[in-house]
PDB file of N, CA and C in Angstrom:
ATOM      1  N   UNK A   1     191.493 -90.563 -83.885  1.00  0.00           N
ATOM      2  CA  UNK A   1     191.338 -91.789 -83.118  1.00  0.00           C
ATOM      3  C   UNK A   1     190.810 -92.880 -84.046  1.00  0.00           C
ATOM      4  N   UNK A   2     191.396 -94.025 -83.943  1.00  0.00           N
ATOM      5  CA  UNK A   2     190.955 -95.187 -84.702  1.00  0.00           C
ATOM      6  C   UNK A   2     190.384 -96.210 -83.732  1.00  0.00           C
ATOM      7  N   UNK A   3     189.250 -96.777 -84.098  1.00  0.00           N
ATOM      8  CA  UNK A   3     188.656 -97.861 -83.325  1.00  0.00           C
ATOM      9  C   UNK A   3     188.911 -99.161 -84.071  1.00  0.00           C
ATOM     10  N   UNK A   4     189.240-100.183 -83.331  1.00  0.00           N
ATOM     11  CA  UNK A   4     189.484-101.479 -83.952  1.00  0.00           C
ATOM     12  C   UNK A   4     188.795-102.565 -83.147  1.00  0.00           C
ATOM     13  N   UNK A   5     188.384-103.596 -83.846  1.00  0.00           N
ATOM     14  CA  UNK A   5     187.843-104.797 -83.219  1.00  0.00           C
ATOM     15  C   UNK A   5     188.807-105.917 -83.555  1.00  0.00           C
ATOM     16  N   UNK A   6     189.385-106.524 -82.536  1.00  0.00           N
ATOM     17  CA  UNK A   6     190.440-107.505 -82.736  1.00  0.00           C
ATOM     18  C   UNK A   6     190.077-108.829 -82.079  1.00  0.00           C
ATOM     19  N   UNK A   7     190.264-109.892 -82.846  1.00  0.00           N
ATOM     20  CA  UNK A   7     190.121-111.241 -82.334  1.00  0.00           C
ATOM     21  C   UNK A   7     191.304-112.047 -82.862  1.00  0.00           C
ATOM     22  N   UNK A   8     192.114-112.564 -81.965  1.00  0.00           N
ATOM     23  CA  UNK A   8     193.291-113.352 -82.348  1.00  0.00           C
ATOM     24  C   UNK A   8     193.188-114.691 -81.629  1.00  0.00           C
ATOM     25  N   UNK A   9     193.309-115.759 -82.391  1.00  0.00           N
ATOM     26  CA  UNK A   9     193.202-117.069 -81.758  1.00  0.00           C
ATOM     27  C   UNK A   9     193.932-118.118 -82.593  1.00  0.00           C
ATOM     28  N   UNK A  10     194.492-119.096 -81.910  1.00  0.00           N
ATOM     29  CA  UNK A  10     195.127-120.199 -82.631  1.00  0.00           C
ATOM     30  C   UNK A  10     194.080-121.250 -82.985  1.00  0.00           C
ATOM     31  N   UNK A  11     194.360-122.002 -84.011  1.00  0.00           N
ATOM     32  CA  UNK A  11     193.504-123.148 -84.308  1.00  0.00           C
ATOM     33  C   UNK A  11     194.339-124.409 -84.136  1.00  0.00           C
ATOM     34  N   UNK A  12     193.660-125.498 -83.873  1.00  0.00           N
ATOM     35  CA  UNK A  12     194.346-126.761 -83.658  1.00  0.00           C
ATOM     36  C   UNK A  12     194.899-126.898 -82.248  1.00  0.00           C
ATOM     37  N   UNK A  13     194.424-126.063 -81.320  1.00  0.00           N
ATOM     38  CA  UNK A  13     194.934-126.081 -79.950  1.00  0.00           C
ATOM     39  C   UNK A  13     193.901-126.581 -78.950  1.00  0.00           C
ATOM     40  N   UNK A  14     192.855-127.248 -79.438  1.00  0.00           N
ATOM     41  CA  UNK A  14     191.824-127.770 -78.550  1.00  0.00           C
ATOM     42  C   UNK A  14     190.632-126.832 -78.486  1.00  0.00           C
ATOM     43  N   UNK A  15     189.701-127.155 -77.609  1.00  0.00           N
ATOM     44  CA  UNK A  15     188.461-126.383 -77.542  1.00  0.00           C
ATOM     45  C   UNK A  15     188.558-125.174 -76.620  1.00  0.00           C
ATOM     46  N   UNK A  16     189.421-125.187 -75.626  1.00  0.00           N
ATOM     47  CA  UNK A  16     189.575-124.049 -74.729  1.00  0.00           C
ATOM     48  C   UNK A  16     190.797-123.231 -75.134  1.00  0.00           C
ATOM     49  N   UNK A  17     190.564-121.962 -75.426  1.00  0.00           N
ATOM     50  CA  UNK A  17     191.648-121.087 -75.867  1.00  0.00           C
ATOM     51  C   UNK A  17     191.926-119.974 -74.866  1.00  0.00           C
ATOM     52  N   UNK A  18     191.389-120.098 -73.664  1.00  0.00           N
ATOM     53  CA  UNK A  18     191.484-119.010 -72.694  1.00  0.00           C
ATOM     54  C   UNK A  18     192.922-118.637 -72.360  1.00  0.00           C
ATOM     55  N   UNK A  19     193.827-119.591 -72.346  1.00  0.00           N
ATOM     56  CA  UNK A  19     195.214-119.236 -72.013  1.00  0.00           C
ATOM     57  C   UNK A  19     195.820-118.325 -73.071  1.00  0.00           C
ATOM     58  N   UNK A  20     195.425-118.509 -74.336  1.00  0.00           N
ATOM     59  CA  UNK A  20     195.902-117.637 -75.402  1.00  0.00           C
ATOM     60  C   UNK A  20     195.259-116.255 -75.307  1.00  0.00           C
ATOM     61  N   UNK A  21     193.958-116.249 -75.039  1.00  0.00           N
ATOM     62  CA  UNK A  21     193.237-114.976 -74.919  1.00  0.00           C
ATOM     63  C   UNK A  21     193.823-114.159 -73.773  1.00  0.00           C
ATOM     64  N   UNK A  22     194.106-114.794 -72.659  1.00  0.00           N
ATOM     65  CA  UNK A  22     194.690-114.088 -71.513  1.00  0.00           C
ATOM     66  C   UNK A  22     196.023-113.442 -71.880  1.00  0.00           C
ATOM     67  N   UNK A  23     196.838-114.143 -72.638  1.00  0.00           N
ATOM     68  CA  UNK A  23     198.129-113.585 -73.061  1.00  0.00           C
ATOM     69  C   UNK A  23     197.931-112.366 -73.948  1.00  0.00           C
ATOM     70  N   UNK A  24     196.969-112.457 -74.871  1.00  0.00           N
ATOM     71  CA  UNK A  24     196.691-111.333 -75.755  1.00  0.00           C
ATOM     72  C   UNK A  24     196.162-110.128 -75.006  1.00  0.00           C
ATOM     73  N   UNK A  25     195.261-110.357 -74.073  1.00  0.00           N
ATOM     74  CA  UNK A  25     194.690-109.263 -73.279  1.00  0.00           C
ATOM     75  C   UNK A  25     195.775-108.610 -72.424  1.00  0.00           C
ATOM     76  N   UNK A  26     196.694-109.399 -71.916  1.00  0.00           N
ATOM     77  CA  UNK A  26     197.802-108.852 -71.128  1.00  0.00           C
ATOM     78  C   UNK A  26     198.623-107.870 -71.967  1.00  0.00           C
ATOM     79  N   UNK A  27     198.878-108.217 -73.219  1.00  0.00           N
ATOM     80  CA  UNK A  27     199.623-107.334 -74.126  1.00  0.00           C
ATOM     81  C   UNK A  27     198.833-106.051 -74.383  1.00  0.00           C
ATOM     82  N   UNK A  28     197.538-106.197 -74.622  1.00  0.00           N
ATOM     83  CA  UNK A  28     196.695-105.027 -74.890  1.00  0.00           C
ATOM     84  C   UNK A  28     196.654-104.120 -73.661  1.00  0.00           C
ATOM     85  N   UNK A  29     196.483-104.704 -72.498  1.00  0.00           N
ATOM     86  CA  UNK A  29     196.452-103.909 -71.265  1.00  0.00           C
ATOM     87  C   UNK A  29     197.763-103.154 -71.077  1.00  0.00           C
ATOM     88  N   UNK A  30     198.877-103.813 -71.316  1.00  0.00           N
ATOM     89  CA  UNK A  30     200.198-103.185 -71.146  1.00  0.00           C
ATOM     90  C   UNK A  30     200.430-102.035 -72.132  1.00  0.00           C
ATOM     91  N   UNK A  31     199.689-102.034 -73.237  1.00  0.00           N
ATOM     92  CA  UNK A  31     199.872-100.989 -74.245  1.00  0.00           C
ATOM     93  C   UNK A  31     199.422 -99.624 -73.739  1.00  0.00           C
ATOM     94  N   UNK A  32     198.501 -99.620 -72.768  1.00  0.00           N
ATOM     95  CA  UNK A  32     197.976 -98.367 -72.259  1.00  0.00           C
ATOM     96  C   UNK A  32     196.812 -97.809 -73.057  1.00  0.00           C
ATOM     97  N   UNK A  33     196.462 -98.445 -74.164  1.00  0.00           N
ATOM     98  CA  UNK A  33     195.327 -97.992 -74.967  1.00  0.00           C
ATOM     99  C   UNK A  33     194.022 -98.370 -74.272  1.00  0.00           C
ATOM    100  N   UNK A  34     193.002 -97.565 -74.490  1.00  0.00           N
ATOM    101  CA  UNK A  34     191.683 -97.885 -73.971  1.00  0.00           C
ATOM    102  C   UNK A  34     191.152 -99.104 -74.725  1.00  0.00           C
ATOM    103  N   UNK A  35     190.589-100.050 -73.996  1.00  0.00           N
ATOM    104  CA  UNK A  35     190.064-101.263 -74.633  1.00  0.00           C
ATOM    105  C   UNK A  35     188.880-101.777 -73.839  1.00  0.00           C
ATOM    106  N   UNK A  36     188.111-102.632 -74.490  1.00  0.00           N
ATOM    107  CA  UNK A  36     186.952-103.250 -73.856  1.00  0.00           C
ATOM    108  C   UNK A  36     186.838-104.680 -74.380  1.00  0.00           C
ATOM    109  N   UNK A  37     186.835-105.630 -73.465  1.00  0.00           N
ATOM    110  CA  UNK A  37     186.752-107.034 -73.845  1.00  0.00           C
ATOM    111  C   UNK A  37     185.291-107.408 -74.055  1.00  0.00           C
ATOM    112  N   UNK A  38     185.009-108.046 -75.186  1.00  0.00           N
ATOM    113  CA  UNK A  38     183.677-108.554 -75.476  1.00  0.00           C
ATOM    114  C   UNK A  38     183.700-110.073 -75.459  1.00  0.00           C
ATOM    115  N   UNK A  39     182.578-110.676 -75.725  1.00  0.00           N
ATOM    116  CA  UNK A  39     182.473-112.124 -75.713  1.00  0.00           C
ATOM    117  C   UNK A  39     183.236-112.816 -76.834  1.00  0.00           C
ATOM    118  N   UNK A  40     183.428-112.112 -77.950  1.00  0.00           N
ATOM    119  CA  UNK A  40     184.066-112.731 -79.110  1.00  0.00           C
ATOM    120  C   UNK A  40     185.269-111.935 -79.645  1.00  0.00           C
ATOM    121  N   UNK A  41     185.463-110.717 -79.121  1.00  0.00           N
ATOM    122  CA  UNK A  41     186.565-109.883 -79.605  1.00  0.00           C
ATOM    123  C   UNK A  41     186.842-108.784 -78.594  1.00  0.00           C
ATOM    124  N   UNK A  42     187.864-108.002 -78.874  1.00  0.00           N
ATOM    125  CA  UNK A  42     188.233-106.876 -78.023  1.00  0.00           C
ATOM    126  C   UNK A  42     188.208-105.611 -78.857  1.00  0.00           C
ATOM    127  N   UNK A  43     187.549-104.586 -78.345  1.00  0.00           N
ATOM    128  CA  UNK A  43     187.534-103.275 -78.999  1.00  0.00           C
ATOM    129  C   UNK A  43     188.685-102.460 -78.420  1.00  0.00           C
ATOM    130  N   UNK A  44     189.386-101.727 -79.298  1.00  0.00           N
ATOM    131  CA  UNK A  44     190.555-100.962 -78.880  1.00  0.00           C
ATOM    132  C   UNK A  44     190.511 -99.589 -79.538  1.00  0.00           C
ATOM    133  N   UNK A  45     190.894 -98.556 -78.786  1.00  0.00           N
ATOM    134  CA  UNK A  45     191.059 -97.206 -79.324  1.00  0.00           C
ATOM    135  C   UNK A  45     192.554 -96.940 -79.454  1.00  0.00           C
ATOM    136  N   UNK A  46     192.983 -96.591 -80.650  1.00  0.00           N
ATOM    137  CA  UNK A  46     194.398 -96.302 -80.892  1.00  0.00           C
ATOM    138  C   UNK A  46     194.520 -94.985 -81.668  1.00  0.00           C
ATOM    139  N   UNK A  47     195.674 -94.328 -81.587  1.00  0.00           N
ATOM    140  CA  UNK A  47     195.814 -93.040 -82.273  1.00  0.00           C
ATOM    141  C   UNK A  47     195.965 -93.146 -83.785  1.00  0.00           C
ATOM    142  N   UNK A  48     196.538 -94.257 -84.273  1.00  0.00           N
ATOM    143  CA  UNK A  48     196.780 -94.373 -85.713  1.00  0.00           C
ATOM    144  C   UNK A  48     197.021 -95.834 -86.096  1.00  0.00           C
ATOM    145  N   UNK A  49     197.129 -96.057 -87.400  1.00  0.00           N
ATOM    146  CA  UNK A  49     197.306 -97.432 -87.892  1.00  0.00           C
ATOM    147  C   UNK A  49     198.637 -98.044 -87.468  1.00  0.00           C
ATOM    148  N   UNK A  50     199.681 -97.236 -87.399  1.00  0.00           N
ATOM    149  CA  UNK A  50     200.976 -97.773 -86.964  1.00  0.00           C
ATOM    150  C   UNK A  50     200.865 -98.358 -85.560  1.00  0.00           C
ATOM    151  N   UNK A  51     200.220 -97.622 -84.663  1.00  0.00           N
ATOM    152  CA  UNK A  51     200.047 -98.113 -83.292  1.00  0.00           C
ATOM    153  C   UNK A  51     199.222 -99.395 -83.278  1.00  0.00           C
ATOM    154  N   UNK A  52     198.172 -99.429 -84.092  1.00  0.00           N
ATOM    155  CA  UNK A  52     197.322-100.617 -84.152  1.00  0.00           C
ATOM    156  C   UNK A  52     198.093-101.827 -84.665  1.00  0.00           C
ATOM    157  N   UNK A  53     198.793-101.662 -85.773  1.00  0.00           N
ATOM    158  CA  UNK A  53     199.499-102.807 -86.347  1.00  0.00           C
ATOM    159  C   UNK A  53     200.646-103.272 -85.449  1.00  0.00           C
ATOM    160  N   UNK A  54     201.298-102.350 -84.763  1.00  0.00           N
ATOM    161  CA  UNK A  54     202.331-102.755 -83.804  1.00  0.00           C
ATOM    162  C   UNK A  54     201.730-103.565 -82.665  1.00  0.00           C
ATOM    163  N   UNK A  55     200.554-103.149 -82.202  1.00  0.00           N
ATOM    164  CA  UNK A  55     199.880-103.887 -81.136  1.00  0.00           C
ATOM    165  C   UNK A  55     199.455-105.276 -81.617  1.00  0.00           C
ATOM    166  N   UNK A  56     198.907-105.362 -82.809  1.00  0.00           N
ATOM    167  CA  UNK A  56     198.501-106.656 -83.368  1.00  0.00           C
ATOM    168  C   UNK A  56     199.712-107.581 -83.483  1.00  0.00           C
ATOM    169  N   UNK A  57     200.835-107.044 -83.907  1.00  0.00           N
ATOM    170  CA  UNK A  57     202.063-107.854 -84.001  1.00  0.00           C
ATOM    171  C   UNK A  57     202.486-108.383 -82.632  1.00  0.00           C
ATOM    172  N   UNK A  58     202.347-107.565 -81.605  1.00  0.00           N
ATOM    173  CA  UNK A  58     202.720-108.004 -80.252  1.00  0.00           C
ATOM    174  C   UNK A  58     201.774-109.080 -79.730  1.00  0.00           C
ATOM    175  N   UNK A  59     200.486-108.941 -80.009  1.00  0.00           N
ATOM    176  CA  UNK A  59     199.521-109.969 -79.598  1.00  0.00           C
ATOM    177  C   UNK A  59     199.817-111.272 -80.338  1.00  0.00           C
ATOM    178  N   UNK A  60     200.090-111.168 -81.630  1.00  0.00           N
ATOM    179  CA  UNK A  60     200.456-112.344 -82.434  1.00  0.00           C
ATOM    180  C   UNK A  60     201.688-113.031 -81.842  1.00  0.00           C
ATOM    181  N   UNK A  61     202.697-112.249 -81.493  1.00  0.00           N
ATOM    182  CA  UNK A  61     203.914-112.807 -80.914  1.00  0.00           C
ATOM    183  C   UNK A  61     203.631-113.513 -79.588  1.00  0.00           C
ATOM    184  N   UNK A  62     202.748-112.944 -78.781  1.00  0.00           N
ATOM    185  CA  UNK A  62     202.390-113.573 -77.507  1.00  0.00           C
ATOM    186  C   UNK A  62     201.749-114.940 -77.727  1.00  0.00           C
ATOM    187  N   UNK A  63     200.949-115.058 -78.781  1.00  0.00           N
ATOM    188  CA  UNK A  63     200.325-116.355 -79.095  1.00  0.00           C
ATOM    189  C   UNK A  63     201.373-117.361 -79.565  1.00  0.00           C
ATOM    190  N   UNK A  64     202.335-116.895 -80.340  1.00  0.00           N
ATOM    191  CA  UNK A  64     203.426-117.777 -80.757  1.00  0.00           C
ATOM    192  C   UNK A  64     204.210-118.265 -79.548  1.00  0.00           C
ATOM    193  N   UNK A  65     204.503-117.350 -78.640  1.00  0.00           N
ATOM    194  CA  UNK A  65     205.265-117.709 -77.445  1.00  0.00           C
ATOM    195  C   UNK A  65     204.488-118.669 -76.544  1.00  0.00           C
ATOM    196  N   UNK A  66     203.173-118.632 -76.629  1.00  0.00           N
ATOM    197  CA  UNK A  66     202.338-119.541 -75.846  1.00  0.00           C
ATOM    198  C   UNK A  66     202.255-120.926 -76.509  1.00  0.00           C
ATOM    199  N   UNK A  67     202.795-121.041 -77.716  1.00  0.00           N
ATOM    200  CA  UNK A  67     202.836-122.333 -78.386  1.00  0.00           C
ATOM    201  C   UNK A  67     201.925-122.476 -79.585  1.00  0.00           C
ATOM    202  N   UNK A  68     201.246-121.409 -79.972  1.00  0.00           N
ATOM    203  CA  UNK A  68     200.367-121.468 -81.132  1.00  0.00           C
ATOM    204  C   UNK A  68     201.138-121.799 -82.401  1.00  0.00           C
ATOM    205  N   UNK A  69     200.608-122.714 -83.185  1.00  0.00           N
ATOM    206  CA  UNK A  69     201.253-123.118 -84.434  1.00  0.00           C
ATOM    207  C   UNK A  69     200.545-122.550 -85.663  1.00  0.00           C
ATOM    208  N   UNK A  70     199.283-122.188 -85.514  1.00  0.00           N
ATOM    209  CA  UNK A  70     198.513-121.581 -86.598  1.00  0.00           C
ATOM    210  C   UNK A  70     197.580-120.564 -85.951  1.00  0.00           C
ATOM    211  N   UNK A  71     197.756-119.313 -86.316  1.00  0.00           N
ATOM    212  CA  UNK A  71     197.055-118.226 -85.628  1.00  0.00           C
ATOM    213  C   UNK A  71     196.196-117.446 -86.612  1.00  0.00           C
ATOM    214  N   UNK A  72     194.946-117.249 -86.244  1.00  0.00           N
ATOM    215  CA  UNK A  72     194.003-116.473 -87.042  1.00  0.00           C
ATOM    216  C   UNK A  72     193.901-115.082 -86.424  1.00  0.00           C
ATOM    217  N   UNK A  73     193.969-114.048 -87.272  1.00  0.00           N
ATOM    218  CA  UNK A  73     193.788-112.668 -86.827  1.00  0.00           C
ATOM    219  C   UNK A  73     192.603-112.093 -87.583  1.00  0.00           C
ATOM    220  N   UNK A  74     191.579-111.706 -86.829  1.00  0.00           N
ATOM    221  CA  UNK A  74     190.392-111.075 -87.402  1.00  0.00           C
ATOM    222  C   UNK A  74     190.397-109.625 -86.918  1.00  0.00           C
ATOM    223  N   UNK A  75     190.578-108.687 -87.839  1.00  0.00           N
ATOM    224  CA  UNK A  75     190.722-107.284 -87.485  1.00  0.00           C
ATOM    225  C   UNK A  75     189.760-106.434 -88.297  1.00  0.00           C
ATOM    226  N   UNK A  76     188.988-105.615 -87.585  1.00  0.00           N
ATOM    227  CA  UNK A  76     188.119-104.637 -88.236  1.00  0.00           C
ATOM    228  C   UNK A  76     188.578-103.264 -87.768  1.00  0.00           C
ATOM    229  N   UNK A  77     188.655-102.319 -88.702  1.00  0.00           N
ATOM    230  CA  UNK A  77     189.152-100.982 -88.396  1.00  0.00           C
ATOM    231  C   UNK A  77     188.118 -99.948 -88.786  1.00  0.00           C
ATOM    232  N   UNK A  78     187.852 -99.017 -87.874  1.00  0.00           N
ATOM    233  CA  UNK A  78     186.958 -97.888 -88.131  1.00  0.00           C
ATOM    234  C   UNK A  78     187.798 -96.614 -88.009  1.00  0.00           C
ATOM    235  N   UNK A  79     188.198 -96.073 -89.149  1.00  0.00           N
ATOM    236  CA  UNK A  79     189.008 -94.849 -89.199  1.00  0.00           C
ATOM    237  C   UNK A  79     188.095 -93.703 -89.623  1.00  0.00           C
ATOM    238  N   UNK A  80     187.365 -93.178 -88.670  1.00  0.00           N
ATOM    239  CA  UNK A  80     186.378 -92.141 -88.953  1.00  0.00           C
ATOM    240  C   UNK A  80     187.039 -90.771 -88.876  1.00  0.00           C
ATOM    241  N   UNK A  81     186.870 -89.976 -89.931  1.00  0.00           N
ATOM    242  CA  UNK A  81     187.527 -88.673 -90.003  1.00  0.00           C
ATOM    243  C   UNK A  81     186.589 -87.487 -89.816  1.00  0.00           C
ATOM    244  N   UNK A  82     185.276 -87.703 -89.895  1.00  0.00           N
ATOM    245  CA  UNK A  82     184.353 -86.571 -89.833  1.00  0.00           C
ATOM    246  C   UNK A  82     184.049 -86.126 -88.407  1.00  0.00           C
ATOM    247  N   UNK A  83     184.268 -87.009 -87.417  1.00  0.00           N
ATOM    248  CA  UNK A  83     184.094 -86.625 -86.023  1.00  0.00           C
ATOM    249  C   UNK A  83     184.821 -87.627 -85.139  1.00  0.00           C
ATOM    250  N   UNK A  84     185.088 -87.207 -83.921  1.00  0.00           N
ATOM    251  CA  UNK A  84     185.763 -88.071 -82.957  1.00  0.00           C
ATOM    252  C   UNK A  84     184.811 -89.174 -82.507  1.00  0.00           C
ATOM    253  N   UNK A  85     185.282 -90.398 -82.516  1.00  0.00           N
ATOM    254  CA  UNK A  85     184.477 -91.535 -82.076  1.00  0.00           C
ATOM    255  C   UNK A  85     185.295 -92.347 -81.081  1.00  0.00           C
ATOM    256  N   UNK A  86     184.622 -92.849 -80.076  1.00  0.00           N
ATOM    257  CA  UNK A  86     185.255 -93.703 -79.079  1.00  0.00           C
ATOM    258  C   UNK A  86     184.380 -94.941 -78.885  1.00  0.00           C
ATOM    259  N   UNK A  87     184.884 -95.887 -78.156  1.00  0.00           N
ATOM    260  CA  UNK A  87     184.085 -97.069 -77.847  1.00  0.00           C
ATOM    261  C   UNK A  87     182.806 -96.633 -77.140  1.00  0.00           C
ATOM    262  N   UNK A  88     182.941 -95.742 -76.187  1.00  0.00           N
ATOM    263  CA  UNK A  88     181.778 -95.260 -75.436  1.00  0.00           C
ATOM    264  C   UNK A  88     180.785 -94.500 -76.290  1.00  0.00           C
ATOM    265  N   UNK A  89     181.281 -93.648 -77.182  1.00  0.00           N
ATOM    266  CA  UNK A  89     180.356 -92.866 -78.016  1.00  0.00           C
ATOM    267  C   UNK A  89     179.587 -93.763 -78.995  1.00  0.00           C
ATOM    268  N   UNK A  90     180.232 -94.794 -79.488  1.00  0.00           N
ATOM    269  CA  UNK A  90     179.539 -95.726 -80.387  1.00  0.00           C
ATOM    270  C   UNK A  90     178.467 -96.505 -79.624  1.00  0.00           C
ATOM    271  N   UNK A  91     178.813 -96.930 -78.410  1.00  0.00           N
ATOM    272  CA  UNK A  91     177.844 -97.655 -77.595  1.00  0.00           C
ATOM    273  C   UNK A  91     176.663 -96.762 -77.237  1.00  0.00           C
ATOM    274  N   UNK A  92     176.941 -95.506 -76.846  1.00  0.00           N
ATOM    275  CA  UNK A  92     175.879 -94.578 -76.467  1.00  0.00           C
ATOM    276  C   UNK A  92     174.987 -94.201 -77.649  1.00  0.00           C
ATOM    277  N   UNK A  93     175.508 -94.258 -78.849  1.00  0.00           N
ATOM    278  CA  UNK A  93     174.725 -93.898 -80.030  1.00  0.00           C
ATOM    279  C   UNK A  93     173.579 -94.873 -80.293  1.00  0.00           C
ATOM    280  N   UNK A  94     173.673 -96.069 -79.756  1.00  0.00           N
ATOM    281  CA  UNK A  94     172.618 -97.055 -79.991  1.00  0.00           C
ATOM    282  C   UNK A  94     171.746 -97.308 -78.765  1.00  0.00           C
ATOM    283  N   UNK A  95     171.946 -96.531 -77.729  1.00  0.00           N
ATOM    284  CA  UNK A  95     171.103 -96.666 -76.525  1.00  0.00           C
ATOM    285  C   UNK A  95     169.823 -95.907 -76.680  1.00  0.00           C
TER     286      UNK A  95
END
C-alpha cells in the first residue's frame, strides 16, 4: 500500500479555487481508492505507483477541462515496505 498526499491547483484563476478542488475530489472519489480530504491537501491510499500516477493524471485533466491554464501539482509519496500503513494507522500513531 502506498500513501500519498496530493494537492492540485491552478494559479492565475482568482482567489477562490473551490470549483477546481471539487472537480479533483470527484475524480478521486470515482477512483474507489480510500481518501481523506484535509484543509490543504488530500491523503490517498493506492496499491502502487502506477495507480497513483494514473489518478494524478486524471485529476490534472479535470483541472484542464475546468479551464485551468497553469496547474501546480504537489505530491508526497510514502512507500513504506517494512509494514502495512494506512491513513488511519498513521493518524492513530500520533494519538
